[in-house]
Amino acid sequence: MVFELEDENGDVVALEFLGLVLHNDRRYGFFFEVNDDEPAMSSGEVVVLEVTSVDEDDQPEELELVVDEAIAEEAYQVFKEAAKDLYDFE
């Protein structure tokens, strides 16, 4: 599933949704930026976004880039374990 999100500069970015995990009482979404050179279902750098707001159905409404590399890596390790049967992380 590909979402188009607006970044902090107002530019629209297409991101393929890979999954969501709950870690330390926070929700983290994992995405892969897609474009003409790197279409959906390809591989590349994973973008880690924290869910900062949810709607009335408890679904993610707002996301922010995780800038703390240690937190992003910790959340990514949790995601890799949870999704090990879905993706090849090598």
N, C-alpha and C. Protein backbone atom coordinates (compact mmCIF):
# COMPACT_ATOMS: atom_id res chain seq x y z
N MET A 1 0.84 -1.16 0.00
CA MET A 1 0.00 0.00 0.00
C MET A 1 0.90 1.24 0.00
N VAL A 2 0.63 2.16 -0.90
CA VAL A 2 1.43 3.37 -1.01
C VAL A 2 0.60 4.56 -0.55
N PHE A 3 1.18 5.36 0.32
CA PHE A 3 0.55 6.58 0.83
C PHE A 3 1.31 7.78 0.29
N GLU A 4 0.59 8.84 0.05
CA GLU A 4 1.23 10.10 -0.30
C GLU A 4 1.11 11.01 0.92
N LEU A 5 2.27 11.37 1.48
CA LEU A 5 2.31 12.20 2.68
C LEU A 5 3.00 13.52 2.36
N GLU A 6 2.65 14.53 3.11
CA GLU A 6 3.25 15.84 2.93
C GLU A 6 4.37 16.01 3.93
N ASP A 7 5.56 16.38 3.45
CA ASP A 7 6.68 16.58 4.36
C ASP A 7 6.64 17.98 4.96
N GLU A 8 7.65 18.29 5.77
CA GLU A 8 7.68 19.57 6.49
C GLU A 8 7.79 20.77 5.56
N ASN A 9 8.21 20.54 4.31
CA ASN A 9 8.34 21.61 3.32
C ASN A 9 7.10 21.75 2.45
N GLY A 10 6.09 20.88 2.70
CA GLY A 10 4.88 20.91 1.89
C GLY A 10 4.96 20.09 0.63
N ASP A 11 6.07 19.37 0.44
CA ASP A 11 6.23 18.51 -0.73
C ASP A 11 5.55 17.17 -0.47
N VAL A 12 4.93 16.61 -1.50
CA VAL A 12 4.28 15.31 -1.38
C VAL A 12 5.31 14.22 -1.66
N VAL A 13 5.34 13.22 -0.76
CA VAL A 13 6.28 12.11 -0.87
C VAL A 13 5.46 10.82 -0.88
N ALA A 14 5.75 9.94 -1.83
CA ALA A 14 5.08 8.64 -1.90
C ALA A 14 5.86 7.63 -1.08
N LEU A 15 5.17 7.02 -0.12
CA LEU A 15 5.81 6.04 0.77
C LEU A 15 5.01 4.74 0.77
N GLU A 16 5.72 3.64 0.56
CA GLU A 16 5.11 2.33 0.65
C GLU A 16 5.09 1.92 2.13
N PHE A 17 3.92 1.55 2.63
CA PHE A 17 3.78 1.13 4.02
C PHE A 17 4.27 -0.29 4.17
N LEU A 18 5.20 -0.50 5.11
CA LEU A 18 5.75 -1.83 5.37
C LEU A 18 5.15 -2.46 6.62
N GLY A 19 4.87 -1.64 7.63
CA GLY A 19 4.31 -2.18 8.87
C GLY A 19 4.34 -1.17 9.99
N LEU A 20 3.76 -1.57 11.11
CA LEU A 20 3.64 -0.71 12.29
C LEU A 20 3.91 -1.56 13.52
N VAL A 21 4.67 -1.03 14.46
CA VAL A 21 4.91 -1.75 15.72
C VAL A 21 4.67 -0.82 16.89
N LEU A 22 4.33 -1.41 18.00
CA LEU A 22 4.21 -0.70 19.27
C LEU A 22 5.46 -1.02 20.06
N HIS A 23 6.18 0.03 20.49
CA HIS A 23 7.42 -0.17 21.24
C HIS A 23 7.54 0.93 22.28
N ASN A 24 7.71 0.54 23.53
CA ASN A 24 7.83 1.50 24.64
C ASN A 24 6.65 2.48 24.66
N ASP A 25 5.46 1.95 24.48
CA ASP A 25 4.21 2.73 24.49
C ASP A 25 4.12 3.77 23.38
N ARG A 26 4.88 3.59 22.33
CA ARG A 26 4.82 4.47 21.16
C ARG A 26 4.62 3.62 19.92
N ARG A 27 3.98 4.20 18.91
CA ARG A 27 3.75 3.49 17.65
C ARG A 27 4.71 4.03 16.61
N TYR A 28 5.32 3.08 15.89
CA TYR A 28 6.26 3.44 14.83
C TYR A 28 5.82 2.78 13.54
N GLY A 29 5.78 3.58 12.47
CA GLY A 29 5.47 3.08 11.15
C GLY A 29 6.75 2.99 10.33
N PHE A 30 6.79 2.00 9.47
CA PHE A 30 7.98 1.76 8.65
C PHE A 30 7.57 1.85 7.19
N PHE A 31 8.31 2.66 6.46
CA PHE A 31 7.96 2.98 5.09
C PHE A 31 9.19 2.93 4.20
N PHE A 32 8.94 2.80 2.91
CA PHE A 32 9.98 2.82 1.89
C PHE A 32 9.55 3.87 0.87
N GLU A 33 10.41 4.86 0.63
CA GLU A 33 10.08 5.90 -0.35
C GLU A 33 10.07 5.30 -1.75
N VAL A 34 9.01 5.57 -2.49
CA VAL A 34 8.90 5.04 -3.85
C VAL A 34 8.90 6.19 -4.85
N ASN A 35 9.47 5.91 -6.02
CA ASN A 35 9.51 6.87 -7.12
C ASN A 35 9.73 6.07 -8.40
N ASP A 36 9.97 6.75 -9.50
CA ASP A 36 10.15 6.05 -10.78
C ASP A 36 11.34 5.11 -10.77
N ASP A 37 12.41 5.48 -10.05
CA ASP A 37 13.61 4.66 -10.00
C ASP A 37 13.50 3.51 -9.00
N GLU A 38 12.69 3.70 -7.96
CA GLU A 38 12.52 2.68 -6.91
C GLU A 38 11.02 2.48 -6.69
N PRO A 39 10.39 1.62 -7.51
CA PRO A 39 8.95 1.42 -7.40
C PRO A 39 8.58 0.61 -6.16
N ALA A 40 7.30 0.59 -5.85
CA ALA A 40 6.80 -0.22 -4.73
C ALA A 40 7.26 -1.66 -4.92
N MET A 41 7.47 -2.33 -3.82
CA MET A 41 7.91 -3.72 -3.76
C MET A 41 9.38 -3.90 -4.11
N SER A 42 10.14 -2.80 -4.21
CA SER A 42 11.59 -2.94 -4.39
C SER A 42 12.22 -2.81 -3.01
N SER A 43 13.50 -2.54 -2.94
CA SER A 43 14.14 -2.45 -1.63
C SER A 43 14.97 -1.18 -1.55
N GLY A 44 15.30 -0.80 -0.34
CA GLY A 44 16.10 0.40 -0.13
C GLY A 44 16.04 0.82 1.32
N GLU A 45 16.34 2.08 1.57
CA GLU A 45 16.38 2.60 2.93
C GLU A 45 14.97 2.71 3.51
N VAL A 46 14.82 2.23 4.72
CA VAL A 46 13.53 2.29 5.41
C VAL A 46 13.42 3.61 6.17
N VAL A 47 12.26 4.24 6.06
CA VAL A 47 11.97 5.48 6.76
C VAL A 47 11.13 5.13 7.99
N VAL A 48 11.56 5.60 9.16
CA VAL A 48 10.85 5.32 10.42
C VAL A 48 10.11 6.58 10.85
N LEU A 49 8.79 6.46 10.98
CA LEU A 49 7.95 7.57 11.39
C LEU A 49 7.21 7.20 12.67
N GLU A 50 7.13 8.14 13.61
CA GLU A 50 6.38 7.91 14.84
C GLU A 50 4.97 8.45 14.67
N VAL A 51 4.01 7.66 15.12
CA VAL A 51 2.62 8.11 15.11
C VAL A 51 2.47 9.11 16.24
N THR A 52 2.09 10.34 15.90
CA THR A 52 1.98 11.40 16.91
C THR A 52 0.53 11.76 17.21
N SER A 53 -0.39 11.27 16.38
CA SER A 53 -1.80 11.56 16.59
C SER A 53 -2.62 10.44 15.94
N VAL A 54 -3.72 10.08 16.60
CA VAL A 54 -4.63 9.07 16.06
C VAL A 54 -6.03 9.66 15.93
N ASP A 55 -6.84 9.06 15.05
CA ASP A 55 -8.21 9.54 14.87
C ASP A 55 -9.14 8.87 15.88
N GLU A 56 -10.44 9.10 15.73
CA GLU A 56 -11.42 8.56 16.68
C GLU A 56 -11.50 7.03 16.65
N ASP A 57 -10.98 6.42 15.57
CA ASP A 57 -10.93 4.95 15.48
C ASP A 57 -9.58 4.39 15.90
N ASP A 58 -8.75 5.25 16.51
CA ASP A 58 -7.42 4.87 16.98
C ASP A 58 -6.46 4.50 15.84
N GLN A 59 -6.72 5.07 14.66
CA GLN A 59 -5.86 4.85 13.49
C GLN A 59 -4.89 6.03 13.36
N PRO A 60 -3.66 5.79 12.88
CA PRO A 60 -2.69 6.87 12.72
C PRO A 60 -3.25 8.01 11.87
N GLU A 61 -3.07 9.22 12.37
CA GLU A 61 -3.55 10.41 11.67
C GLU A 61 -2.39 11.34 11.31
N GLU A 62 -1.41 11.43 12.21
CA GLU A 62 -0.23 12.27 11.97
C GLU A 62 1.01 11.46 12.31
N LEU A 63 2.05 11.70 11.52
CA LEU A 63 3.32 10.99 11.69
C LEU A 63 4.45 12.00 11.64
N GLU A 64 5.53 11.68 12.37
CA GLU A 64 6.73 12.51 12.34
C GLU A 64 7.95 11.63 12.16
N LEU A 65 8.91 12.13 11.40
CA LEU A 65 10.15 11.42 11.20
C LEU A 65 10.87 11.25 12.52
N VAL A 66 11.36 10.05 12.79
CA VAL A 66 12.15 9.80 14.00
C VAL A 66 13.57 10.26 13.69
N VAL A 67 14.00 11.34 14.34
CA VAL A 67 15.32 11.91 14.05
C VAL A 67 16.41 11.35 14.96
N ASP A 68 16.02 10.81 16.12
CA ASP A 68 17.00 10.20 17.02
C ASP A 68 17.36 8.82 16.46
N GLU A 69 18.60 8.71 15.98
CA GLU A 69 19.02 7.47 15.32
C GLU A 69 18.96 6.25 16.24
N ALA A 70 19.24 6.44 17.52
CA ALA A 70 19.20 5.32 18.46
C ALA A 70 17.76 4.79 18.62
N ILE A 71 16.81 5.70 18.73
CA ILE A 71 15.40 5.29 18.85
C ILE A 71 14.93 4.64 17.55
N ALA A 72 15.30 5.23 16.41
CA ALA A 72 14.90 4.67 15.13
C ALA A 72 15.47 3.26 14.96
N GLU A 73 16.72 3.07 15.33
CA GLU A 73 17.35 1.75 15.20
C GLU A 73 16.70 0.74 16.14
N GLU A 74 16.42 1.14 17.36
CA GLU A 74 15.77 0.25 18.33
C GLU A 74 14.39 -0.18 17.82
N ALA A 75 13.62 0.78 17.34
CA ALA A 75 12.29 0.46 16.80
C ALA A 75 12.41 -0.42 15.56
N TYR A 76 13.40 -0.15 14.73
CA TYR A 76 13.60 -0.94 13.52
C TYR A 76 13.95 -2.39 13.86
N GLN A 77 14.74 -2.60 14.89
CA GLN A 77 15.07 -3.96 15.30
C GLN A 77 13.82 -4.71 15.76
N VAL A 78 12.94 -4.02 16.47
CA VAL A 78 11.66 -4.63 16.90
C VAL A 78 10.83 -4.98 15.66
N PHE A 79 10.80 -4.07 14.69
CA PHE A 79 10.06 -4.31 13.46
C PHE A 79 10.64 -5.50 12.70
N LYS A 80 11.97 -5.56 12.59
CA LYS A 80 12.60 -6.67 11.87
C LYS A 80 12.23 -8.01 12.50
N GLU A 81 12.20 -8.08 13.80
CA GLU A 81 11.82 -9.32 14.48
C GLU A 81 10.36 -9.65 14.20
N ALA A 82 9.50 -8.65 14.29
CA ALA A 82 8.06 -8.87 14.08
C ALA A 82 7.75 -9.25 12.63
N ALA A 83 8.52 -8.75 11.69
CA ALA A 83 8.22 -8.95 10.27
C ALA A 83 9.20 -9.90 9.58
N LYS A 84 9.94 -10.68 10.35
CA LYS A 84 10.98 -11.52 9.76
C LYS A 84 10.45 -12.54 8.76
N ASP A 85 9.19 -12.94 8.90
CA ASP A 85 8.61 -13.89 7.95
C ASP A 85 8.03 -13.21 6.72
N LEU A 86 7.96 -11.87 6.73
CA LEU A 86 7.38 -11.13 5.61
C LEU A 86 8.43 -10.54 4.67
N TYR A 87 9.58 -10.15 5.22
CA TYR A 87 10.59 -9.45 4.46
C TYR A 87 11.95 -10.09 4.62
N ASP A 88 12.78 -9.94 3.60
CA ASP A 88 14.17 -10.35 3.65
C ASP A 88 14.99 -9.12 4.00
N PHE A 89 15.57 -9.08 5.18
CA PHE A 89 16.28 -7.88 5.67
C PHE A 89 17.77 -7.91 5.36
N GLU A 90 18.21 -8.84 4.56
CA GLU A 90 19.63 -8.92 4.22
C GLU A 90 19.99 -7.97 3.12
